[in-house]
């Protein structure tokens, strides 16, 4: 599972980059961080603003290419201020009977 946290309004740019690298689709969650102000300088981004979280399920073969494409278009050094990370999916319940 690829997770991308970007400034609000950049989720479509994330998905354009992800699809170009092989992603089939994703889910967008609108969010707002609740962070202690003393932690913000260590993170390197303003986490107190409203954000979009994009979740993409990808196979191991395409995961890195998708993450790199997103980072190039919407990474931390862009206006999107994106942070891209992945987590393993060990089990899934509820997708089939």
N, C-alpha and C. Protein backbone atom coordinates (compact mmCIF):
# COMPACT_ATOMS: atom_id res chain seq x y z
N UNK A 1 0.85 -1.17 0.00
CA UNK A 1 0.00 0.00 0.00
C UNK A 1 0.90 1.23 0.00
N UNK A 2 0.65 2.11 -0.94
CA UNK A 2 1.38 3.37 -1.04
C UNK A 2 0.50 4.46 -0.45
N UNK A 3 1.06 5.24 0.46
CA UNK A 3 0.34 6.35 1.07
C UNK A 3 1.05 7.64 0.68
N UNK A 4 0.27 8.62 0.28
CA UNK A 4 0.82 9.91 -0.13
C UNK A 4 0.07 10.98 0.64
N UNK A 5 0.79 11.85 1.32
CA UNK A 5 0.19 12.99 2.02
C UNK A 5 0.63 14.24 1.27
N UNK A 6 -0.36 14.98 0.73
CA UNK A 6 -0.07 16.20 -0.03
C UNK A 6 -0.96 17.34 0.45
N UNK A 7 -0.54 18.55 0.11
CA UNK A 7 -1.40 19.70 0.39
C UNK A 7 -2.74 19.51 -0.30
N UNK A 8 -3.77 20.02 0.33
CA UNK A 8 -5.13 19.89 -0.19
C UNK A 8 -5.21 20.39 -1.63
N UNK A 9 -5.84 19.60 -2.50
CA UNK A 9 -6.02 20.00 -3.88
C UNK A 9 -5.04 19.37 -4.86
N UNK A 10 -4.08 18.60 -4.37
CA UNK A 10 -3.08 18.00 -5.25
C UNK A 10 -3.29 16.50 -5.47
N UNK A 11 -4.40 15.96 -5.00
CA UNK A 11 -4.62 14.52 -5.14
C UNK A 11 -4.74 14.08 -6.59
N UNK A 12 -5.33 14.90 -7.44
CA UNK A 12 -5.46 14.54 -8.85
C UNK A 12 -4.09 14.48 -9.52
N UNK A 13 -3.20 15.40 -9.18
CA UNK A 13 -1.83 15.36 -9.72
C UNK A 13 -1.11 14.09 -9.27
N UNK A 14 -1.34 13.69 -8.03
CA UNK A 14 -0.76 12.43 -7.53
C UNK A 14 -1.24 11.27 -8.37
N UNK A 15 -2.54 11.22 -8.64
CA UNK A 15 -3.10 10.10 -9.39
C UNK A 15 -2.67 10.10 -10.85
N UNK A 16 -2.48 11.26 -11.45
CA UNK A 16 -1.98 11.32 -12.82
C UNK A 16 -0.59 10.70 -12.89
N UNK A 17 0.28 11.08 -11.95
CA UNK A 17 1.63 10.52 -11.91
C UNK A 17 1.60 9.03 -11.62
N UNK A 18 0.75 8.61 -10.69
CA UNK A 18 0.67 7.20 -10.31
C UNK A 18 0.16 6.34 -11.46
N UNK A 19 -0.87 6.81 -12.15
CA UNK A 19 -1.41 6.04 -13.28
C UNK A 19 -0.38 5.90 -14.40
N UNK A 20 0.39 6.96 -14.65
CA UNK A 20 1.42 6.92 -15.69
C UNK A 20 2.49 5.87 -15.36
N UNK A 21 2.66 5.58 -14.07
CA UNK A 21 3.65 4.59 -13.65
C UNK A 21 3.06 3.21 -13.43
N UNK A 22 1.76 3.04 -13.69
CA UNK A 22 1.17 1.72 -13.61
C UNK A 22 0.10 1.50 -12.57
N UNK A 23 -0.25 2.51 -11.78
CA UNK A 23 -1.30 2.34 -10.78
C UNK A 23 -2.66 2.29 -11.46
N UNK A 24 -3.56 1.49 -10.91
CA UNK A 24 -4.90 1.38 -11.46
C UNK A 24 -5.86 2.40 -10.91
N UNK A 25 -5.66 2.84 -9.70
CA UNK A 25 -6.56 3.78 -9.05
C UNK A 25 -6.13 4.02 -7.63
N UNK A 26 -6.90 4.81 -6.93
CA UNK A 26 -6.56 5.12 -5.55
C UNK A 26 -7.76 5.66 -4.81
N UNK A 27 -7.59 5.91 -3.53
CA UNK A 27 -8.63 6.46 -2.67
C UNK A 27 -8.09 7.74 -2.05
N UNK A 28 -8.90 8.80 -2.06
CA UNK A 28 -8.50 10.08 -1.49
C UNK A 28 -9.27 10.32 -0.20
N UNK A 29 -8.55 10.69 0.83
CA UNK A 29 -9.14 11.05 2.13
C UNK A 29 -8.71 12.47 2.44
N UNK A 30 -9.67 13.34 2.70
CA UNK A 30 -9.35 14.71 3.09
C UNK A 30 -9.08 14.72 4.59
N UNK A 31 -8.01 15.43 5.00
CA UNK A 31 -7.62 15.36 6.41
C UNK A 31 -7.05 16.68 6.90
N UNK A 32 -6.87 16.73 8.19
CA UNK A 32 -6.22 17.84 8.86
C UNK A 32 -5.40 17.25 10.00
N UNK A 33 -4.16 17.63 10.08
CA UNK A 33 -3.28 17.09 11.12
C UNK A 33 -3.50 17.81 12.44
N UNK A 34 -3.29 17.08 13.49
CA UNK A 34 -3.30 17.65 14.83
C UNK A 34 -1.91 17.35 15.40
N UNK A 35 -1.04 18.39 15.36
CA UNK A 35 0.36 18.20 15.71
C UNK A 35 0.78 19.25 16.70
N UNK A 36 1.62 18.87 17.64
CA UNK A 36 2.23 19.81 18.56
C UNK A 36 3.14 20.74 17.76
N UNK A 37 2.99 22.05 17.92
CA UNK A 37 3.77 23.02 17.15
C UNK A 37 5.28 22.83 17.30
N UNK A 38 5.73 22.26 18.39
CA UNK A 38 7.18 22.06 18.57
C UNK A 38 7.72 20.97 17.67
N UNK A 39 6.85 20.10 17.14
CA UNK A 39 7.31 19.02 16.27
C UNK A 39 7.46 19.47 14.83
N UNK A 40 6.78 20.54 14.42
CA UNK A 40 6.77 20.96 13.02
C UNK A 40 8.15 21.25 12.44
N UNK A 41 9.05 21.95 13.14
CA UNK A 41 10.36 22.22 12.53
C UNK A 41 11.16 20.95 12.21
N UNK A 42 10.92 19.87 12.93
CA UNK A 42 11.66 18.63 12.71
C UNK A 42 11.13 17.84 11.52
N UNK A 43 9.90 18.07 11.14
CA UNK A 43 9.28 17.33 10.05
C UNK A 43 9.64 17.92 8.70
N UNK A 44 9.79 19.22 8.60
CA UNK A 44 10.14 19.87 7.35
C UNK A 44 8.95 20.22 6.49
N UNK A 45 7.76 20.12 7.04
CA UNK A 45 6.54 20.46 6.31
C UNK A 45 5.53 21.00 7.30
N UNK A 46 4.60 21.78 6.80
CA UNK A 46 3.55 22.31 7.66
C UNK A 46 2.42 21.29 7.74
N UNK A 47 2.43 20.48 8.78
CA UNK A 47 1.43 19.43 8.91
C UNK A 47 0.11 19.93 9.47
N UNK A 48 0.05 21.18 9.90
CA UNK A 48 -1.18 21.69 10.49
C UNK A 48 -2.21 22.08 9.43
N UNK A 49 -1.78 22.23 8.18
CA UNK A 49 -2.71 22.58 7.12
C UNK A 49 -3.59 21.39 6.77
N UNK A 50 -4.67 21.68 6.02
CA UNK A 50 -5.50 20.59 5.53
C UNK A 50 -4.75 19.86 4.42
N UNK A 51 -4.88 18.56 4.42
CA UNK A 51 -4.14 17.71 3.49
C UNK A 51 -5.08 16.75 2.78
N UNK A 52 -4.59 16.16 1.71
CA UNK A 52 -5.22 15.02 1.06
C UNK A 52 -4.31 13.83 1.29
N UNK A 53 -4.89 12.71 1.63
CA UNK A 53 -4.15 11.46 1.74
C UNK A 53 -4.63 10.58 0.60
N UNK A 54 -3.70 10.12 -0.22
CA UNK A 54 -4.03 9.24 -1.33
C UNK A 54 -3.48 7.87 -0.99
N UNK A 55 -4.35 6.86 -1.06
CA UNK A 55 -3.97 5.48 -0.77
C UNK A 55 -4.09 4.68 -2.05
N UNK A 56 -3.00 4.02 -2.42
CA UNK A 56 -2.94 3.23 -3.64
C UNK A 56 -2.46 1.83 -3.28
N UNK A 57 -3.21 0.82 -3.69
CA UNK A 57 -2.77 -0.56 -3.50
C UNK A 57 -2.08 -0.98 -4.79
N UNK A 58 -0.82 -1.38 -4.67
CA UNK A 58 -0.02 -1.76 -5.84
C UNK A 58 0.74 -3.04 -5.53
N UNK A 59 1.10 -3.76 -6.58
CA UNK A 59 1.90 -4.97 -6.36
C UNK A 59 3.36 -4.58 -6.19
N UNK A 60 4.15 -5.52 -5.71
CA UNK A 60 5.55 -5.26 -5.41
C UNK A 60 6.35 -4.84 -6.64
N UNK A 61 5.97 -5.34 -7.80
CA UNK A 61 6.72 -5.05 -9.02
C UNK A 61 6.58 -3.60 -9.47
N UNK A 62 5.45 -2.95 -9.20
CA UNK A 62 5.24 -1.58 -9.65
C UNK A 62 5.34 -0.54 -8.54
N UNK A 63 5.43 -0.98 -7.31
CA UNK A 63 5.40 -0.06 -6.17
C UNK A 63 6.47 1.03 -6.24
N UNK A 64 7.71 0.67 -6.45
CA UNK A 64 8.79 1.67 -6.44
C UNK A 64 8.66 2.66 -7.58
N UNK A 65 8.30 2.19 -8.77
CA UNK A 65 8.13 3.10 -9.91
C UNK A 65 7.01 4.10 -9.65
N UNK A 66 5.93 3.63 -9.05
CA UNK A 66 4.80 4.51 -8.73
C UNK A 66 5.23 5.55 -7.70
N UNK A 67 5.93 5.11 -6.67
CA UNK A 67 6.39 6.03 -5.62
C UNK A 67 7.33 7.08 -6.18
N UNK A 68 8.25 6.68 -7.05
CA UNK A 68 9.20 7.62 -7.64
C UNK A 68 8.49 8.63 -8.54
N UNK A 69 7.53 8.17 -9.33
CA UNK A 69 6.79 9.08 -10.21
C UNK A 69 6.02 10.12 -9.40
N UNK A 70 5.40 9.68 -8.32
CA UNK A 70 4.66 10.61 -7.45
C UNK A 70 5.62 11.61 -6.83
N UNK A 71 6.75 11.13 -6.35
CA UNK A 71 7.72 12.00 -5.70
C UNK A 71 8.26 13.06 -6.66
N UNK A 72 8.50 12.68 -7.91
CA UNK A 72 8.99 13.64 -8.90
C UNK A 72 7.99 14.75 -9.16
N UNK A 73 6.70 14.40 -9.27
CA UNK A 73 5.67 15.38 -9.61
C UNK A 73 5.10 16.12 -8.41
N UNK A 74 5.05 15.44 -7.26
CA UNK A 74 4.35 16.01 -6.10
C UNK A 74 5.13 15.86 -4.80
N UNK A 75 6.44 15.73 -4.89
CA UNK A 75 7.27 15.50 -3.71
C UNK A 75 7.39 16.69 -2.79
N UNK A 76 8.17 16.54 -1.76
CA UNK A 76 8.31 17.54 -0.71
C UNK A 76 8.86 18.86 -1.23
N UNK A 77 9.60 18.84 -2.33
CA UNK A 77 10.19 20.07 -2.87
C UNK A 77 9.29 20.75 -3.91
N UNK A 78 8.05 20.28 -4.05
CA UNK A 78 7.09 20.89 -4.96
C UNK A 78 6.04 21.64 -4.15
N UNK A 79 5.14 22.31 -4.83
CA UNK A 79 4.05 23.01 -4.13
C UNK A 79 3.13 22.04 -3.41
N UNK A 80 3.06 20.81 -3.89
CA UNK A 80 2.21 19.80 -3.25
C UNK A 80 2.76 19.39 -1.89
N UNK A 81 4.08 19.52 -1.70
CA UNK A 81 4.76 19.16 -0.44
C UNK A 81 4.46 17.73 -0.04
N UNK A 82 4.51 16.82 -1.02
CA UNK A 82 4.12 15.43 -0.79
C UNK A 82 5.13 14.59 -0.04
N UNK A 83 4.61 13.76 0.81
CA UNK A 83 5.38 12.73 1.51
C UNK A 83 4.83 11.40 1.04
N UNK A 84 5.70 10.52 0.54
CA UNK A 84 5.29 9.25 -0.02
C UNK A 84 5.94 8.12 0.78
N UNK A 85 5.12 7.17 1.23
CA UNK A 85 5.67 6.01 1.94
C UNK A 85 4.82 4.79 1.62
N UNK A 86 5.35 3.63 1.94
CA UNK A 86 4.59 2.40 1.68
C UNK A 86 4.52 1.56 2.94
N UNK A 87 3.47 0.76 2.99
CA UNK A 87 3.25 -0.18 4.09
C UNK A 87 2.85 -1.52 3.49
N UNK A 88 3.29 -2.61 4.10
CA UNK A 88 2.88 -3.92 3.57
C UNK A 88 1.43 -4.21 3.91
N UNK A 89 0.78 -4.95 3.06
CA UNK A 89 -0.56 -5.45 3.34
C UNK A 89 -0.42 -6.95 3.57
N UNK A 90 -0.63 -7.37 4.80
CA UNK A 90 -0.46 -8.79 5.15
C UNK A 90 -1.74 -9.59 4.98
N UNK A 91 -2.87 -8.98 5.31
CA UNK A 91 -4.16 -9.68 5.24
C UNK A 91 -5.23 -8.70 4.80
N UNK A 92 -6.23 -9.21 4.12
CA UNK A 92 -7.39 -8.42 3.73
C UNK A 92 -8.63 -9.25 4.01
N UNK A 93 -9.62 -8.63 4.63
CA UNK A 93 -10.88 -9.30 4.91
C UNK A 93 -11.99 -8.46 4.30
N UNK A 94 -12.93 -9.11 3.61
CA UNK A 94 -14.10 -8.42 3.14
C UNK A 94 -14.14 -8.17 1.64
N UNK A 95 -13.14 -8.60 0.89
CA UNK A 95 -13.17 -8.38 -0.56
C UNK A 95 -13.81 -9.50 -1.33
N UNK A 96 -13.93 -10.67 -0.72
CA UNK A 96 -14.57 -11.80 -1.41
C UNK A 96 -15.41 -12.58 -0.41
N UNK A 97 -16.27 -13.43 -0.93
CA UNK A 97 -17.15 -14.22 -0.06
C UNK A 97 -16.41 -15.40 0.54
